[in-house]
């Protein structure tokens, strides 16, 4: 009888876990297509891998989208984020800035922070740069499946942020999407759980 009771409890817990994972996955997937195209003070471009002194294909997509937003008049400044990660010679934000300048973005309209190593830090240090420059509203630029977690982190950092995912992504092939999507589901749930405890 005691064993059956615990078996039922485990089944219920397993069902609850499955429902939570499914709900989170659905929420991330549907949010990925949401783009809040409005005017803001600046675009915050979340950093990611660089290759030598050049942006990776994923980072290049983000930079190009920020350039499009700037040229279309949606933002007046671009804030590039990201420090020097393991194995890299240059900060992600520096590489991003150089790429943007080569693509005709005025240097005076580009701001960078070079300290962050993770998304939470992207927002923390970008927020400091923004405050120093009198900027208060932002379009967040990242990959579509990253947006839900990114916007939640921006909210927790006290940043007025709106979603502006890249219109295209390097994560197109099934073999690329599945691990990236699974990672986002796990990271989002872990982040929410951590802040619920704190």
N, C-alpha and C. Protein backbone atom coordinates (compact mmCIF):
# COMPACT_ATOMS: atom_id res chain seq x y z
N UNK A 1 0.83 -1.21 0.00
CA UNK A 1 0.00 0.00 0.00
C UNK A 1 0.87 1.27 0.00
N UNK A 2 1.89 1.25 0.87
CA UNK A 2 2.81 2.38 0.95
C UNK A 2 3.53 2.58 -0.37
N UNK A 3 3.95 1.46 -0.98
CA UNK A 3 4.65 1.51 -2.26
C UNK A 3 3.74 2.07 -3.36
N UNK A 4 2.48 1.66 -3.37
CA UNK A 4 1.52 2.14 -4.37
C UNK A 4 1.28 3.65 -4.23
N UNK A 5 1.27 4.10 -2.98
CA UNK A 5 1.07 5.53 -2.74
C UNK A 5 2.20 6.35 -3.36
N UNK A 6 3.43 5.92 -3.14
CA UNK A 6 4.58 6.64 -3.70
C UNK A 6 4.61 6.53 -5.22
N UNK A 7 4.15 5.41 -5.72
CA UNK A 7 4.10 5.24 -7.17
C UNK A 7 3.13 6.25 -7.79
N UNK A 8 1.98 6.44 -7.14
CA UNK A 8 1.00 7.41 -7.64
C UNK A 8 1.56 8.83 -7.56
N UNK A 9 2.26 9.11 -6.47
CA UNK A 9 2.86 10.44 -6.31
C UNK A 9 3.87 10.72 -7.41
N UNK A 10 4.70 9.72 -7.71
CA UNK A 10 5.71 9.87 -8.76
C UNK A 10 5.07 10.07 -10.13
N UNK A 11 3.97 9.37 -10.37
CA UNK A 11 3.25 9.52 -11.64
C UNK A 11 2.69 10.93 -11.77
N UNK A 12 2.09 11.41 -10.68
CA UNK A 12 1.52 12.77 -10.69
C UNK A 12 2.62 13.81 -10.91
N UNK A 13 3.74 13.65 -10.19
CA UNK A 13 4.85 14.59 -10.35
C UNK A 13 5.41 14.56 -11.76
N UNK A 14 5.48 13.37 -12.33
CA UNK A 14 5.97 13.22 -13.70
C UNK A 14 5.05 13.92 -14.69
N UNK A 15 3.74 13.79 -14.47
CA UNK A 15 2.77 14.45 -15.34
C UNK A 15 2.87 15.97 -15.23
N UNK A 16 3.01 16.45 -14.00
CA UNK A 16 3.14 17.89 -13.78
C UNK A 16 4.38 18.42 -14.49
N UNK A 17 5.48 17.69 -14.35
CA UNK A 17 6.73 18.09 -14.99
C UNK A 17 6.58 18.13 -16.51
N UNK A 18 5.93 17.12 -17.06
CA UNK A 18 5.72 17.05 -18.51
C UNK A 18 4.87 18.22 -19.00
N UNK A 19 3.83 18.54 -18.23
CA UNK A 19 2.95 19.66 -18.59
C UNK A 19 3.72 20.98 -18.55
N UNK A 20 4.55 21.16 -17.52
CA UNK A 20 5.33 22.40 -17.39
C UNK A 20 6.31 22.55 -18.54
N UNK A 21 6.98 21.46 -18.89
CA UNK A 21 7.94 21.50 -20.00
C UNK A 21 7.23 21.82 -21.31
N UNK A 22 6.10 21.17 -21.53
CA UNK A 22 5.34 21.39 -22.77
C UNK A 22 4.83 22.83 -22.85
N UNK A 23 4.33 23.34 -21.72
CA UNK A 23 3.82 24.71 -21.70
C UNK A 23 4.94 25.73 -21.94
N UNK A 24 6.09 25.48 -21.33
CA UNK A 24 7.23 26.37 -21.52
C UNK A 24 7.71 26.35 -22.96
N UNK A 25 7.83 25.15 -23.51
CA UNK A 25 8.28 25.01 -24.90
C UNK A 25 7.33 25.72 -25.86
N UNK A 26 6.04 25.56 -25.64
CA UNK A 26 5.05 26.22 -26.50
C UNK A 26 5.15 27.73 -26.39
N UNK A 27 5.33 28.21 -25.17
CA UNK A 27 5.43 29.65 -24.94
C UNK A 27 6.65 30.24 -25.63
N UNK A 28 7.79 29.56 -25.52
CA UNK A 28 9.02 30.03 -26.16
C UNK A 28 8.87 30.03 -27.68
N UNK A 29 8.27 28.98 -28.20
CA UNK A 29 8.11 28.84 -29.65
C UNK A 29 7.19 29.92 -30.23
N UNK A 30 6.08 30.18 -29.55
CA UNK A 30 5.13 31.18 -30.05
C UNK A 30 5.67 32.60 -29.87
N UNK A 31 6.39 32.83 -28.78
CA UNK A 31 6.95 34.17 -28.53
C UNK A 31 8.03 34.51 -29.55
N UNK A 32 8.67 33.49 -30.10
CA UNK A 32 9.78 33.70 -31.04
C UNK A 32 9.37 34.52 -32.25
N UNK A 33 8.11 34.44 -32.63
CA UNK A 33 7.65 35.15 -33.83
C UNK A 33 7.14 36.56 -33.53
N UNK A 34 7.13 36.95 -32.26
CA UNK A 34 6.62 38.26 -31.88
C UNK A 34 7.70 39.34 -32.04
N UNK A 35 7.38 40.35 -32.82
CA UNK A 35 8.31 41.47 -33.03
C UNK A 35 7.58 42.77 -32.73
N UNK A 36 8.07 43.50 -31.74
CA UNK A 36 7.45 44.76 -31.33
C UNK A 36 8.18 45.90 -32.04
N UNK A 37 7.80 46.14 -33.28
CA UNK A 37 8.50 47.12 -34.10
C UNK A 37 8.01 48.52 -33.78
N UNK A 38 8.73 49.18 -32.90
CA UNK A 38 8.39 50.55 -32.51
C UNK A 38 9.67 51.34 -32.31
N UNK A 39 9.52 52.64 -32.20
CA UNK A 39 10.69 53.49 -32.02
C UNK A 39 11.18 53.41 -30.58
N UNK A 40 12.49 53.32 -30.43
CA UNK A 40 13.11 53.26 -29.11
C UNK A 40 14.42 54.05 -29.15
N UNK A 41 14.97 54.30 -27.97
CA UNK A 41 16.22 55.06 -27.92
C UNK A 41 17.38 54.29 -28.55
N UNK A 42 17.40 52.98 -28.31
CA UNK A 42 18.55 52.20 -28.80
C UNK A 42 18.18 50.74 -28.99
N UNK A 43 19.00 50.07 -29.75
CA UNK A 43 18.91 48.61 -29.86
C UNK A 43 19.99 48.02 -28.97
N UNK A 44 19.62 47.01 -28.20
CA UNK A 44 20.61 46.26 -27.42
C UNK A 44 20.83 44.94 -28.15
N UNK A 45 22.04 44.74 -28.65
CA UNK A 45 22.37 43.53 -29.39
C UNK A 45 23.08 42.56 -28.45
N UNK A 46 22.47 41.42 -28.20
CA UNK A 46 23.06 40.45 -27.30
C UNK A 46 24.23 39.75 -27.98
N UNK A 47 25.33 39.67 -27.27
CA UNK A 47 26.54 39.10 -27.83
C UNK A 47 26.50 37.59 -27.94
N UNK A 48 27.33 37.09 -28.82
CA UNK A 48 27.54 35.64 -28.95
C UNK A 48 28.89 35.45 -29.62
N UNK A 49 29.19 34.25 -29.96
CA UNK A 49 30.53 33.85 -30.41
C UNK A 49 31.11 34.70 -31.54
N UNK A 50 32.42 34.95 -31.42
CA UNK A 50 33.17 35.57 -32.51
C UNK A 50 34.22 34.59 -33.00
N UNK A 51 34.64 34.76 -34.23
CA UNK A 51 35.66 33.89 -34.82
C UNK A 51 36.83 34.77 -35.24
N UNK A 52 37.90 34.71 -34.45
CA UNK A 52 39.01 35.62 -34.70
C UNK A 52 38.54 37.03 -34.46
N UNK A 53 38.70 37.87 -35.47
CA UNK A 53 38.24 39.25 -35.34
C UNK A 53 36.95 39.51 -36.07
N UNK A 54 36.23 38.45 -36.40
CA UNK A 54 34.99 38.58 -37.15
C UNK A 54 33.82 37.97 -36.38
N UNK A 55 32.61 38.48 -36.59
CA UNK A 55 31.45 37.87 -35.92
C UNK A 55 31.14 36.50 -36.51
N UNK A 56 30.65 35.61 -35.67
CA UNK A 56 30.16 34.33 -36.16
C UNK A 56 28.92 34.59 -37.01
N UNK A 57 28.49 33.62 -37.82
CA UNK A 57 27.27 33.83 -38.62
C UNK A 57 26.06 34.23 -37.77
N UNK A 58 25.94 33.65 -36.57
CA UNK A 58 24.81 33.99 -35.69
C UNK A 58 24.91 35.45 -35.24
N UNK A 59 26.08 35.87 -34.82
CA UNK A 59 26.26 37.25 -34.38
C UNK A 59 26.08 38.22 -35.55
N UNK A 60 26.55 37.85 -36.72
CA UNK A 60 26.40 38.72 -37.88
C UNK A 60 24.92 38.99 -38.19
N UNK A 61 24.09 37.96 -38.03
CA UNK A 61 22.65 38.15 -38.25
C UNK A 61 22.10 39.20 -37.29
N UNK A 62 22.54 39.15 -36.05
CA UNK A 62 22.07 40.11 -35.05
C UNK A 62 22.55 41.53 -35.37
N UNK A 63 23.81 41.64 -35.76
CA UNK A 63 24.36 42.96 -36.09
C UNK A 63 23.62 43.56 -37.28
N UNK A 64 23.42 42.76 -38.31
CA UNK A 64 22.74 43.25 -39.51
C UNK A 64 21.30 43.69 -39.21
N UNK A 65 20.64 42.97 -38.31
CA UNK A 65 19.28 43.37 -37.95
C UNK A 65 19.29 44.70 -37.22
N UNK A 66 20.26 44.89 -36.32
CA UNK A 66 20.38 46.17 -35.62
C UNK A 66 20.67 47.30 -36.60
N UNK A 67 21.50 47.03 -37.57
CA UNK A 67 21.80 48.03 -38.61
C UNK A 67 20.52 48.40 -39.36
N UNK A 68 19.72 47.40 -39.69
CA UNK A 68 18.45 47.66 -40.39
C UNK A 68 17.53 48.53 -39.54
N UNK A 69 17.46 48.24 -38.24
CA UNK A 69 16.62 49.03 -37.34
C UNK A 69 17.10 50.48 -37.28
N UNK A 70 18.41 50.66 -37.23
CA UNK A 70 18.99 52.00 -37.18
C UNK A 70 18.70 52.76 -38.47
N UNK A 71 18.95 52.11 -39.59
CA UNK A 71 18.76 52.78 -40.88
C UNK A 71 17.30 53.09 -41.17
N UNK A 72 16.39 52.29 -40.59
CA UNK A 72 14.96 52.54 -40.78
C UNK A 72 14.42 53.58 -39.81
N UNK A 73 15.26 54.05 -38.89
CA UNK A 73 14.86 55.09 -37.97
C UNK A 73 14.17 54.62 -36.71
N UNK A 74 14.21 53.32 -36.44
CA UNK A 74 13.56 52.81 -35.23
C UNK A 74 14.40 53.07 -33.98
N UNK A 75 15.71 53.16 -34.14
CA UNK A 75 16.59 53.44 -32.99
C UNK A 75 17.61 54.50 -33.39
N UNK A 76 18.07 55.26 -32.39
CA UNK A 76 19.06 56.29 -32.63
C UNK A 76 20.47 55.82 -32.29
N UNK A 77 20.55 54.82 -31.44
CA UNK A 77 21.85 54.28 -31.02
C UNK A 77 21.79 52.75 -31.06
N UNK A 78 22.97 52.15 -31.12
CA UNK A 78 23.08 50.69 -31.01
C UNK A 78 24.06 50.38 -29.88
N UNK A 79 23.62 49.55 -28.95
CA UNK A 79 24.50 49.10 -27.86
C UNK A 79 24.88 47.65 -28.13
N UNK A 80 26.15 47.41 -28.37
CA UNK A 80 26.64 46.05 -28.56
C UNK A 80 27.17 45.52 -27.23
N UNK A 81 26.86 44.27 -26.93
CA UNK A 81 27.26 43.69 -25.65
C UNK A 81 28.18 42.49 -25.87
N UNK A 82 28.89 42.14 -24.81
CA UNK A 82 29.71 40.93 -24.85
C UNK A 82 31.19 41.20 -24.63
N UNK A 83 31.76 40.45 -23.70
CA UNK A 83 33.19 40.57 -23.41
C UNK A 83 34.01 39.54 -24.15
N UNK A 84 35.19 39.26 -23.61
CA UNK A 84 36.09 38.27 -24.21
C UNK A 84 35.80 36.91 -23.57
N UNK A 85 35.29 35.98 -24.35
CA UNK A 85 34.99 34.65 -23.85
C UNK A 85 36.20 33.74 -24.05
N UNK A 86 36.15 32.54 -23.47
CA UNK A 86 37.26 31.60 -23.56
C UNK A 86 37.65 31.33 -25.01
N UNK A 87 38.93 31.45 -25.29
CA UNK A 87 39.43 31.14 -26.62
C UNK A 87 39.34 32.28 -27.61
N UNK A 88 38.73 33.39 -27.21
CA UNK A 88 38.58 34.53 -28.12
C UNK A 88 39.69 35.55 -27.88
N UNK A 89 40.03 36.27 -28.92
CA UNK A 89 41.06 37.31 -28.82
C UNK A 89 40.46 38.70 -28.65
N UNK A 90 39.19 38.84 -29.02
CA UNK A 90 38.54 40.15 -28.98
C UNK A 90 37.18 40.04 -28.29
N UNK A 91 36.77 41.13 -27.67
CA UNK A 91 35.44 41.17 -27.06
C UNK A 91 34.38 41.12 -28.15
N UNK A 92 33.30 40.43 -27.87
CA UNK A 92 32.20 40.31 -28.84
C UNK A 92 31.68 41.68 -29.25
N UNK A 93 31.58 42.58 -28.29
CA UNK A 93 31.05 43.91 -28.59
C UNK A 93 31.98 44.72 -29.48
N UNK A 94 33.27 44.54 -29.30
CA UNK A 94 34.25 45.26 -30.13
C UNK A 94 34.18 44.77 -31.57
N UNK A 95 34.10 43.46 -31.74
CA UNK A 95 33.97 42.88 -33.08
C UNK A 95 32.68 43.37 -33.74
N UNK A 96 31.60 43.41 -32.95
CA UNK A 96 30.31 43.87 -33.47
C UNK A 96 30.38 45.33 -33.90
N UNK A 97 30.99 46.16 -33.06
CA UNK A 97 31.13 47.58 -33.39
C UNK A 97 31.92 47.78 -34.68
N UNK A 98 33.04 47.06 -34.80
CA UNK A 98 33.87 47.21 -35.99
C UNK A 98 33.11 46.80 -37.25
N UNK A 99 32.31 45.74 -37.13
CA UNK A 99 31.51 45.28 -38.28
C UNK A 99 30.48 46.34 -38.66
N UNK A 100 29.84 46.92 -37.66
CA UNK A 100 28.82 47.94 -37.92
C UNK A 100 29.43 49.18 -38.56
N UNK A 101 30.60 49.58 -38.09
CA UNK A 101 31.28 50.76 -38.66
C UNK A 101 31.63 50.50 -40.12
N UNK A 102 32.09 49.28 -40.41
CA UNK A 102 32.42 48.93 -41.80
C UNK A 102 31.17 48.94 -42.68
N UNK A 103 30.01 48.84 -42.04
CA UNK A 103 28.74 48.87 -42.78
C UNK A 103 28.03 50.21 -42.62
N UNK A 104 28.85 51.25 -42.44
CA UNK A 104 28.39 52.65 -42.53
C UNK A 104 27.54 53.14 -41.37
N UNK A 105 27.66 52.52 -40.21
CA UNK A 105 27.01 53.08 -39.02
C UNK A 105 27.99 54.05 -38.36
N UNK A 106 27.59 55.30 -38.11
CA UNK A 106 28.50 56.27 -37.49
C UNK A 106 28.99 55.80 -36.12
N UNK A 107 30.28 55.93 -35.91
CA UNK A 107 30.87 55.45 -34.65
C UNK A 107 30.24 56.13 -33.44
N UNK A 108 29.84 57.40 -33.60
CA UNK A 108 29.27 58.13 -32.45
C UNK A 108 27.89 57.60 -32.05
N UNK A 109 27.28 56.80 -32.89
CA UNK A 109 25.97 56.23 -32.57
C UNK A 109 26.07 54.79 -32.08
N UNK A 110 27.30 54.36 -31.82
CA UNK A 110 27.52 53.00 -31.32
C UNK A 110 28.08 53.06 -29.91
N UNK A 111 27.49 52.28 -29.02
CA UNK A 111 27.97 52.15 -27.64
C UNK A 111 28.28 50.68 -27.38
N UNK A 112 29.25 50.42 -26.53
CA UNK A 112 29.59 49.02 -26.23
C UNK A 112 29.85 48.85 -24.74
N UNK A 113 29.67 47.62 -24.29
CA UNK A 113 30.16 47.22 -22.97
C UNK A 113 30.99 45.95 -23.21
N UNK A 114 32.09 45.82 -22.51
CA UNK A 114 33.03 44.72 -22.79
C UNK A 114 33.23 43.77 -21.61
N UNK A 115 32.32 43.82 -20.64
CA UNK A 115 32.52 43.02 -19.43
C UNK A 115 31.67 41.75 -19.36
N UNK A 116 30.55 41.72 -20.06
CA UNK A 116 29.60 40.62 -19.87
C UNK A 116 30.05 39.32 -20.53
N UNK A 117 29.67 38.22 -19.89
CA UNK A 117 29.96 36.88 -20.41
C UNK A 117 28.70 36.05 -20.60
N UNK A 118 27.59 36.47 -19.98
CA UNK A 118 26.32 35.76 -20.11
C UNK A 118 25.21 36.78 -20.36
N UNK A 119 24.03 36.29 -20.74
CA UNK A 119 22.93 37.18 -21.12
C UNK A 119 22.53 38.14 -20.00
N UNK A 120 22.44 37.63 -18.78
CA UNK A 120 22.08 38.50 -17.65
C UNK A 120 23.05 39.68 -17.54
N UNK A 121 24.34 39.39 -17.71
CA UNK A 121 25.34 40.45 -17.64
C UNK A 121 25.24 41.38 -18.83
N UNK A 122 24.86 40.86 -20.00
CA UNK A 122 24.61 41.72 -21.17
C UNK A 122 23.71 42.87 -20.77
N UNK A 123 22.60 42.53 -20.11
CA UNK A 123 21.62 43.55 -19.74
C UNK A 123 22.11 44.44 -18.60
N UNK A 124 22.79 43.84 -17.64
CA UNK A 124 23.27 44.64 -16.50
C UNK A 124 24.24 45.73 -16.97
N UNK A 125 25.23 45.33 -17.76
CA UNK A 125 26.23 46.30 -18.20
C UNK A 125 25.71 47.22 -19.30
N UNK A 126 24.82 46.70 -20.15
CA UNK A 126 24.19 47.56 -21.16
C UNK A 126 23.34 48.62 -20.48
N UNK A 127 22.69 48.23 -19.37
CA UNK A 127 21.88 49.17 -18.62
C UNK A 127 22.71 50.31 -18.04
N UNK A 128 23.92 49.97 -17.59
CA UNK A 128 24.81 51.00 -17.05
C UNK A 128 25.25 51.97 -18.15
N UNK A 129 25.58 51.41 -19.31
CA UNK A 129 25.98 52.25 -20.45
C UNK A 129 24.81 53.15 -20.87
N UNK A 130 23.62 52.57 -20.90
CA UNK A 130 22.43 53.32 -21.30
C UNK A 130 22.17 54.48 -20.34
N UNK A 131 22.29 54.21 -19.06
CA UNK A 131 22.04 55.24 -18.05
C UNK A 131 23.03 56.39 -18.20
N UNK A 132 24.28 56.05 -18.46
CA UNK A 132 25.31 57.07 -18.63
C UNK A 132 25.03 57.96 -19.83
N UNK A 133 24.29 57.42 -20.80
CA UNK A 133 24.04 58.16 -22.04
C UNK A 133 22.59 58.63 -22.18
N UNK A 134 21.83 58.54 -21.09
CA UNK A 134 20.47 59.06 -21.09
C UNK A 134 19.49 58.30 -21.96
N UNK A 135 19.70 57.00 -22.11
CA UNK A 135 18.83 56.16 -22.94
C UNK A 135 17.90 55.36 -22.03
N UNK A 136 16.63 55.25 -22.42
CA UNK A 136 15.68 54.59 -21.50
C UNK A 136 14.76 53.55 -22.13
N UNK A 137 14.71 53.46 -23.45
CA UNK A 137 13.86 52.45 -24.08
C UNK A 137 14.66 51.71 -25.15
N UNK A 138 14.36 50.41 -25.29
CA UNK A 138 15.26 49.58 -26.10
C UNK A 138 14.53 48.50 -26.90
N UNK A 139 15.05 48.23 -28.08
CA UNK A 139 14.67 47.05 -28.84
C UNK A 139 15.77 46.03 -28.62
N UNK A 140 15.39 44.86 -28.15
CA UNK A 140 16.38 43.81 -27.89
C UNK A 140 16.52 42.94 -29.13
N UNK A 141 17.75 42.76 -29.57
CA UNK A 141 18.04 41.99 -30.78
C UNK A 141 18.75 40.69 -30.41
N UNK A 142 18.13 39.59 -30.78
CA UNK A 142 18.74 38.27 -30.59
C UNK A 142 18.03 37.29 -31.50
N UNK A 143 18.37 36.01 -31.37
CA UNK A 143 17.69 34.98 -32.16
C UNK A 143 16.27 34.78 -31.65
N UNK A 144 15.35 34.43 -32.53
CA UNK A 144 13.94 34.30 -32.15
C UNK A 144 13.70 33.42 -30.92
N UNK A 145 14.30 32.25 -30.87
CA UNK A 145 14.05 31.33 -29.76
C UNK A 145 14.69 31.80 -28.45
N UNK A 146 15.55 32.77 -28.53
CA UNK A 146 16.21 33.31 -27.33
C UNK A 146 15.42 34.45 -26.71
N UNK A 147 14.43 34.97 -27.45
CA UNK A 147 13.80 36.23 -27.07
C UNK A 147 13.01 36.18 -25.77
N UNK A 148 12.28 35.11 -25.51
CA UNK A 148 11.44 35.08 -24.32
C UNK A 148 12.29 35.16 -23.05
N UNK A 149 13.35 34.38 -23.00
CA UNK A 149 14.24 34.42 -21.84
C UNK A 149 14.94 35.77 -21.76
N UNK A 150 15.35 36.29 -22.90
CA UNK A 150 16.05 37.58 -22.92
C UNK A 150 15.16 38.70 -22.39
N UNK A 151 13.91 38.73 -22.82
CA UNK A 151 13.00 39.80 -22.37
C UNK A 151 12.70 39.70 -20.88
N UNK A 152 12.64 38.48 -20.36
CA UNK A 152 12.43 38.30 -18.93
C UNK A 152 13.63 38.81 -18.15
N UNK A 153 14.82 38.53 -18.65
CA UNK A 153 16.04 39.01 -17.99
C UNK A 153 16.11 40.53 -18.05
N UNK A 154 15.70 41.10 -19.17
CA UNK A 154 15.69 42.56 -19.29
C UNK A 154 14.75 43.18 -18.26
N UNK A 155 13.59 42.56 -18.11
CA UNK A 155 12.61 43.04 -17.12
C UNK A 155 13.20 43.01 -15.71
N UNK A 156 13.86 41.91 -15.38
CA UNK A 156 14.47 41.79 -14.05
C UNK A 156 15.61 42.78 -13.86
N UNK A 157 16.22 43.21 -14.96
CA UNK A 157 17.31 44.19 -14.88
C UNK A 157 16.78 45.63 -14.85
N UNK A 158 15.44 45.77 -14.89
CA UNK A 158 14.84 47.09 -14.85
C UNK A 158 14.93 47.85 -16.16
N UNK A 159 15.02 47.12 -17.26
CA UNK A 159 15.17 47.74 -18.58
C UNK A 159 13.84 47.69 -19.33
N UNK A 160 13.45 48.84 -19.87
CA UNK A 160 12.24 48.90 -20.71
C UNK A 160 12.60 48.34 -22.09
N UNK A 161 12.27 47.09 -22.30
CA UNK A 161 12.73 46.39 -23.50
C UNK A 161 11.58 45.84 -24.32
N UNK A 162 11.79 45.83 -25.62
CA UNK A 162 10.80 45.29 -26.55
C UNK A 162 11.48 44.29 -27.49
N UNK A 163 10.72 43.32 -27.90
CA UNK A 163 11.28 42.22 -28.69
C UNK A 163 11.49 42.59 -30.15
N UNK A 164 12.70 42.34 -30.64
CA UNK A 164 13.00 42.53 -32.06
C UNK A 164 13.92 41.40 -32.53
N UNK A 165 13.36 40.21 -32.69
CA UNK A 165 14.19 39.07 -33.10
C UNK A 165 14.71 39.22 -34.52
N UNK A 166 15.81 38.58 -34.80
CA UNK A 166 16.34 38.60 -36.16
C UNK A 166 15.33 37.93 -37.09
N UNK A 167 15.11 38.50 -38.27
CA UNK A 167 14.13 37.91 -39.20
C UNK A 167 14.59 36.58 -39.78
N UNK A 168 15.88 36.34 -39.73
CA UNK A 168 16.42 35.06 -40.18
C UNK A 168 17.41 34.57 -39.13
N UNK A 169 17.70 33.30 -39.14
CA UNK A 169 18.60 32.73 -38.14
C UNK A 169 19.43 31.63 -38.75
N UNK A 170 20.60 31.43 -38.18
CA UNK A 170 21.47 30.34 -38.64
C UNK A 170 20.97 28.99 -38.15
N UNK A 171 20.05 29.01 -37.17
CA UNK A 171 19.51 27.76 -36.63
C UNK A 171 18.30 27.34 -37.45
N UNK A 172 18.54 26.91 -38.67
CA UNK A 172 17.47 26.52 -39.58
C UNK A 172 17.33 25.01 -39.71
N UNK A 173 18.45 24.32 -39.77
CA UNK A 173 18.42 22.87 -39.94
C UNK A 173 17.87 22.21 -38.68
N UNK A 174 17.16 21.11 -38.87
CA UNK A 174 16.56 20.39 -37.74
C UNK A 174 17.62 20.04 -36.70
N UNK A 175 18.79 19.62 -37.17
CA UNK A 175 19.87 19.22 -36.26
C UNK A 175 20.38 20.38 -35.43
N UNK A 176 20.18 21.61 -35.91
CA UNK A 176 20.60 22.80 -35.16
C UNK A 176 19.50 23.31 -34.25
N UNK A 177 18.27 23.29 -34.75
CA UNK A 177 17.14 23.83 -34.00
C UNK A 177 16.86 23.04 -32.73
N UNK A 178 16.84 21.71 -32.83
CA UNK A 178 16.45 20.87 -31.70
C UNK A 178 17.32 21.11 -30.47
N UNK A 179 18.66 21.03 -30.56
CA UNK A 179 19.46 21.27 -29.35
C UNK A 179 19.36 22.70 -28.83
N UNK A 180 19.26 23.67 -29.75
CA UNK A 180 19.15 25.07 -29.34
C UNK A 180 17.82 25.31 -28.62
N UNK A 181 16.75 24.76 -29.18
CA UNK A 181 15.42 24.90 -28.59
C UNK A 181 15.36 24.21 -27.23
N UNK A 182 15.90 22.99 -27.16
CA UNK A 182 15.91 22.25 -25.90
C UNK A 182 16.70 23.00 -24.83
N UNK A 183 17.81 23.58 -25.23
CA UNK A 183 18.63 24.35 -24.29
C UNK A 183 17.86 25.56 -23.78
N UNK A 184 17.13 26.23 -24.66
CA UNK A 184 16.36 27.40 -24.25
C UNK A 184 15.26 27.02 -23.26
N UNK A 185 14.60 25.90 -23.51
CA UNK A 185 13.54 25.44 -22.60
C UNK A 185 14.14 25.18 -21.22
N UNK A 186 15.25 24.47 -21.18
CA UNK A 186 15.90 24.15 -19.90
C UNK A 186 16.38 25.42 -19.20
N UNK A 187 17.04 26.30 -19.95
CA UNK A 187 17.57 27.53 -19.36
C UNK A 187 16.45 28.44 -18.85
N UNK A 188 15.37 28.52 -19.62
CA UNK A 188 14.25 29.37 -19.20
C UNK A 188 13.63 28.84 -17.90
N UNK A 189 13.38 27.54 -17.85
CA UNK A 189 12.78 26.96 -16.66
C UNK A 189 13.71 27.10 -15.45
N UNK A 190 15.00 26.91 -15.67
CA UNK A 190 15.97 27.05 -14.58
C UNK A 190 16.02 28.49 -14.09
N UNK A 191 15.97 29.43 -15.01
CA UNK A 191 16.02 30.85 -14.64
C UNK A 191 14.79 31.24 -13.84
N UNK A 192 13.62 30.82 -14.30
CA UNK A 192 12.37 31.12 -13.59
C UNK A 192 12.39 30.49 -12.20
N UNK A 193 12.83 29.24 -12.12
CA UNK A 193 12.88 28.54 -10.83
C UNK A 193 13.84 29.24 -9.87
N UNK A 194 14.98 29.65 -10.37
CA UNK A 194 15.98 30.32 -9.54
C UNK A 194 15.43 31.62 -8.96
N UNK A 195 14.74 32.39 -9.79
CA UNK A 195 14.21 33.67 -9.32
C UNK A 195 12.99 33.48 -8.42
N UNK A 196 12.29 32.37 -8.59
CA UNK A 196 11.17 32.07 -7.70
C UNK A 196 11.69 31.78 -6.29
N UNK A 197 12.83 31.11 -6.23
CA UNK A 197 13.44 30.77 -4.94
C UNK A 197 14.02 32.02 -4.29
N UNK A 198 14.70 32.84 -5.12
CA UNK A 198 15.31 34.06 -4.59
C UNK A 198 14.24 35.05 -4.14
